[in-house]
Amino acid sequence: MISSEILSKPLFTMTGGEILELFNAIKIPQEPTKKDFTDKHLVYGLSGLATLLNCGKTNAQKIKNSGDIDGAIIQNGKKLIFDSNKVLELLQEKESCLLAQTAK
């Protein structure tokens, strides 16, 4: 508890110890930070996409421009964000469609 002497004293006349005592008594309880533990694993930029797909940036750009992974892209200004799980899912669907067409 803070003494009434410190509470009635002007701030500019307090010593460093008194100021620290005052600030330590005013601790504001903080809510625990909530983390989003969903299954979203995000990669950023074309370099992140290239790393995910184990290819070069040029091929990553071609895949992005093809429109096959549009459902997995979030664009914030110039920043590209890819949901890696969705990217892989969409590419597997595309590959299975291509295999089904060539089998006919």
C-alpha atoms as a PDB file:
ATOM      1  CA  MET A   1       0.000   0.000   0.000  1.00  0.00           C
ATOM      2  CA  ILE A   2       1.183   3.499  -0.760  1.00  0.00           C
ATOM      3  CA  SER A   3       1.642   5.878   2.130  1.00  0.00           C
ATOM      4  CA  SER A   4      -0.493   9.011   2.238  1.00  0.00           C
ATOM      5  CA  GLU A   5       2.741  11.030   2.374  1.00  0.00           C
ATOM      6  CA  ILE A   6       3.740   9.859  -1.117  1.00  0.00           C
ATOM      7  CA  LEU A   7       0.219  10.319  -2.468  1.00  0.00           C
ATOM      8  CA  SER A   8       0.046  13.940  -1.264  1.00  0.00           C
ATOM      9  CA  LYS A   9       3.545  14.816  -2.519  1.00  0.00           C
ATOM     10  CA  PRO A  10       3.900  16.601  -5.900  1.00  0.00           C
ATOM     11  CA  LEU A  11       5.477  14.387  -8.540  1.00  0.00           C
ATOM     12  CA  PHE A  12       8.356  16.742  -9.332  1.00  0.00           C
ATOM     13  CA  THR A  13       9.527  16.664  -5.694  1.00  0.00           C
ATOM     14  CA  MET A  14       9.540  12.856  -5.418  1.00  0.00           C
ATOM     15  CA  THR A  15      12.712  10.841  -5.368  1.00  0.00           C
ATOM     16  CA  GLY A  16      13.301   8.073  -7.855  1.00  0.00           C
ATOM     17  CA  GLY A  17      12.481   5.438  -5.242  1.00  0.00           C
ATOM     18  CA  GLU A  18       9.168   7.097  -4.418  1.00  0.00           C
ATOM     19  CA  ILE A  19       8.247   7.263  -8.106  1.00  0.00           C
ATOM     20  CA  LEU A  20       9.088   3.593  -8.550  1.00  0.00           C
ATOM     21  CA  GLU A  21       7.012   2.724  -5.484  1.00  0.00           C
ATOM     22  CA  LEU A  22       4.110   4.693  -6.915  1.00  0.00           C
ATOM     23  CA  PHE A  23       4.316   3.031 -10.345  1.00  0.00           C
ATOM     24  CA  ASN A  24       4.699  -0.446  -8.859  1.00  0.00           C
ATOM     25  CA  ALA A  25       1.495   0.072  -6.900  1.00  0.00           C
ATOM     26  CA  ILE A  26      -0.421   1.024 -10.057  1.00  0.00           C
ATOM     27  CA  LYS A  27       0.077  -2.245 -11.923  1.00  0.00           C
ATOM     28  CA  ILE A  28      -2.764  -2.679 -14.355  1.00  0.00           C
ATOM     29  CA  PRO A  29      -3.918  -6.251 -14.744  1.00  0.00           C
ATOM     30  CA  GLN A  30      -3.529  -7.300 -18.347  1.00  0.00           C
ATOM     31  CA  GLU A  31      -5.673  -9.783 -20.156  1.00  0.00           C
ATOM     32  CA  PRO A  32      -3.696 -12.777 -21.293  1.00  0.00           C
ATOM     33  CA  THR A  33      -2.972 -12.542 -24.979  1.00  0.00           C
ATOM     34  CA  LYS A  34      -5.122 -14.842 -27.005  1.00  0.00           C
ATOM     35  CA  LYS A  35      -3.324 -16.688 -29.738  1.00  0.00           C
ATOM     36  CA  ASP A  36      -5.067 -18.009 -32.773  1.00  0.00           C
ATOM     37  CA  PHE A  37      -4.180 -21.678 -32.903  1.00  0.00           C
ATOM     38  CA  THR A  38      -6.152 -22.472 -36.018  1.00  0.00           C
ATOM     39  CA  ASP A  39      -4.668 -24.643 -38.695  1.00  0.00           C
ATOM     40  CA  LYS A  40      -3.680 -21.671 -40.828  1.00  0.00           C
ATOM     41  CA  HIS A  41      -0.028 -21.634 -41.693  1.00  0.00           C
ATOM     42  CA  LEU A  42       0.765 -18.487 -43.624  1.00  0.00           C
ATOM     43  CA  VAL A  43       3.685 -17.790 -45.940  1.00  0.00           C
ATOM     44  CA  TYR A  44       4.536 -14.308 -47.088  1.00  0.00           C
ATOM     45  CA  GLY A  45       5.486 -13.097 -50.551  1.00  0.00           C
ATOM     46  CA  LEU A  46       6.574 -14.949 -53.631  1.00  0.00           C
ATOM     47  CA  SER A  47       9.725 -16.105 -51.897  1.00  0.00           C
ATOM     48  CA  GLY A  48       7.603 -17.782 -49.211  1.00  0.00           C
ATOM     49  CA  LEU A  49       5.457 -19.439 -51.883  1.00  0.00           C
ATOM     50  CA  ALA A  50       8.589 -20.573 -53.741  1.00  0.00           C
ATOM     51  CA  THR A  51       9.978 -22.092 -50.558  1.00  0.00           C
ATOM     52  CA  LEU A  52       6.665 -23.840 -49.844  1.00  0.00           C
ATOM     53  CA  LEU A  53       6.501 -25.333 -53.329  1.00  0.00           C
ATOM     54  CA  ASN A  54      10.238 -25.994 -53.519  1.00  0.00           C
ATOM     55  CA  CYS A  55      10.612 -24.064 -56.759  1.00  0.00           C
ATOM     56  CA  GLY A  56      12.037 -20.768 -57.950  1.00  0.00           C
ATOM     57  CA  LYS A  57      10.398 -17.361 -57.704  1.00  0.00           C
ATOM     58  CA  THR A  58       9.679 -17.373 -61.437  1.00  0.00           C
ATOM     59  CA  ASN A  59       7.695 -20.604 -61.213  1.00  0.00           C
ATOM     60  CA  ALA A  60       5.947 -19.347 -58.066  1.00  0.00           C
ATOM     61  CA  GLN A  61       4.905 -16.227 -59.999  1.00  0.00           C
ATOM     62  CA  LYS A  62       3.598 -18.387 -62.873  1.00  0.00           C
ATOM     63  CA  ILE A  63       1.571 -20.525 -60.484  1.00  0.00           C
ATOM     64  CA  LYS A  64       0.144 -17.424 -58.803  1.00  0.00           C
ATOM     65  CA  ASN A  65      -0.716 -15.835 -62.163  1.00  0.00           C
ATOM     66  CA  SER A  66      -2.390 -19.029 -63.405  1.00  0.00           C
ATOM     67  CA  GLY A  67      -5.308 -18.414 -61.047  1.00  0.00           C
ATOM     68  CA  ASP A  68      -5.179 -21.958 -59.684  1.00  0.00           C
ATOM     69  CA  ILE A  69      -4.456 -20.784 -56.132  1.00  0.00           C
ATOM     70  CA  ASP A  70      -6.538 -17.598 -56.051  1.00  0.00           C
ATOM     71  CA  GLY A  71      -8.586 -18.998 -53.165  1.00  0.00           C
ATOM     72  CA  ALA A  72      -5.482 -19.172 -50.982  1.00  0.00           C
ATOM     73  CA  ILE A  73      -4.195 -15.645 -51.611  1.00  0.00           C
ATOM     74  CA  ILE A  74      -4.724 -12.702 -49.316  1.00  0.00           C
ATOM     75  CA  GLN A  75      -3.404  -9.443 -50.678  1.00  0.00           C
ATOM     76  CA  ASN A  76      -2.891  -6.491 -48.376  1.00  0.00           C
ATOM     77  CA  GLY A  77      -1.633  -3.628 -50.527  1.00  0.00           C
ATOM     78  CA  LYS A  78       1.506  -4.978 -52.169  1.00  0.00           C
ATOM     79  CA  LYS A  79       1.991  -7.717 -49.583  1.00  0.00           C
ATOM     80  CA  LEU A  80       1.004 -11.222 -50.663  1.00  0.00           C
ATOM     81  CA  ILE A  81       0.000 -13.736 -48.019  1.00  0.00           C
ATOM     82  CA  PHE A  82      -0.650 -17.377 -48.861  1.00  0.00           C
ATOM     83  CA  ASP A  83      -2.489 -19.928 -46.722  1.00  0.00           C
ATOM     84  CA  SER A  84      -0.056 -22.801 -47.240  1.00  0.00           C
ATOM     85  CA  ASN A  85      -2.559 -25.562 -46.453  1.00  0.00           C
ATOM     86  CA  LYS A  86      -5.043 -24.125 -48.946  1.00  0.00           C
ATOM     87  CA  VAL A  87      -2.339 -23.680 -51.616  1.00  0.00           C
ATOM     88  CA  LEU A  88      -1.311 -27.318 -51.366  1.00  0.00           C
ATOM     89  CA  GLU A  89      -4.941 -28.461 -51.349  1.00  0.00           C
ATOM     90  CA  LEU A  90      -5.791 -26.429 -54.461  1.00  0.00           C
ATOM     91  CA  LEU A  91      -2.713 -27.660 -56.318  1.00  0.00           C
ATOM     92  CA  GLN A  92      -3.543 -31.281 -55.463  1.00  0.00           C
ATOM     93  CA  GLU A  93      -7.097 -30.759 -56.784  1.00  0.00           C
ATOM     94  CA  LYS A  94      -5.690 -29.233 -59.963  1.00  0.00           C
ATOM     95  CA  GLU A  95      -3.269 -32.140 -60.395  1.00  0.00           C
ATOM     96  CA  SER A  96      -5.994 -34.736 -59.846  1.00  0.00           C
ATOM     97  CA  CYS A  97      -8.228 -32.972 -62.415  1.00  0.00           C
ATOM     98  CA  LEU A  98      -5.385 -32.977 -64.949  1.00  0.00           C
ATOM     99  CA  LEU A  99      -4.719 -36.672 -64.329  1.00  0.00           C
ATOM    100  CA  ALA A 100      -8.396 -37.491 -64.749  1.00  0.00           C
ATOM    101  CA  GLN A 101      -8.513 -35.591 -68.071  1.00  0.00           C
ATOM    102  CA  THR A 102      -5.438 -37.317 -69.467  1.00  0.00           C
ATOM    103  CA  ALA A 103      -6.793 -40.737 -68.466  1.00  0.00           C
ATOM    104  CA  LYS A 104      -9.905 -40.237 -70.632  1.00  0.00           C
END
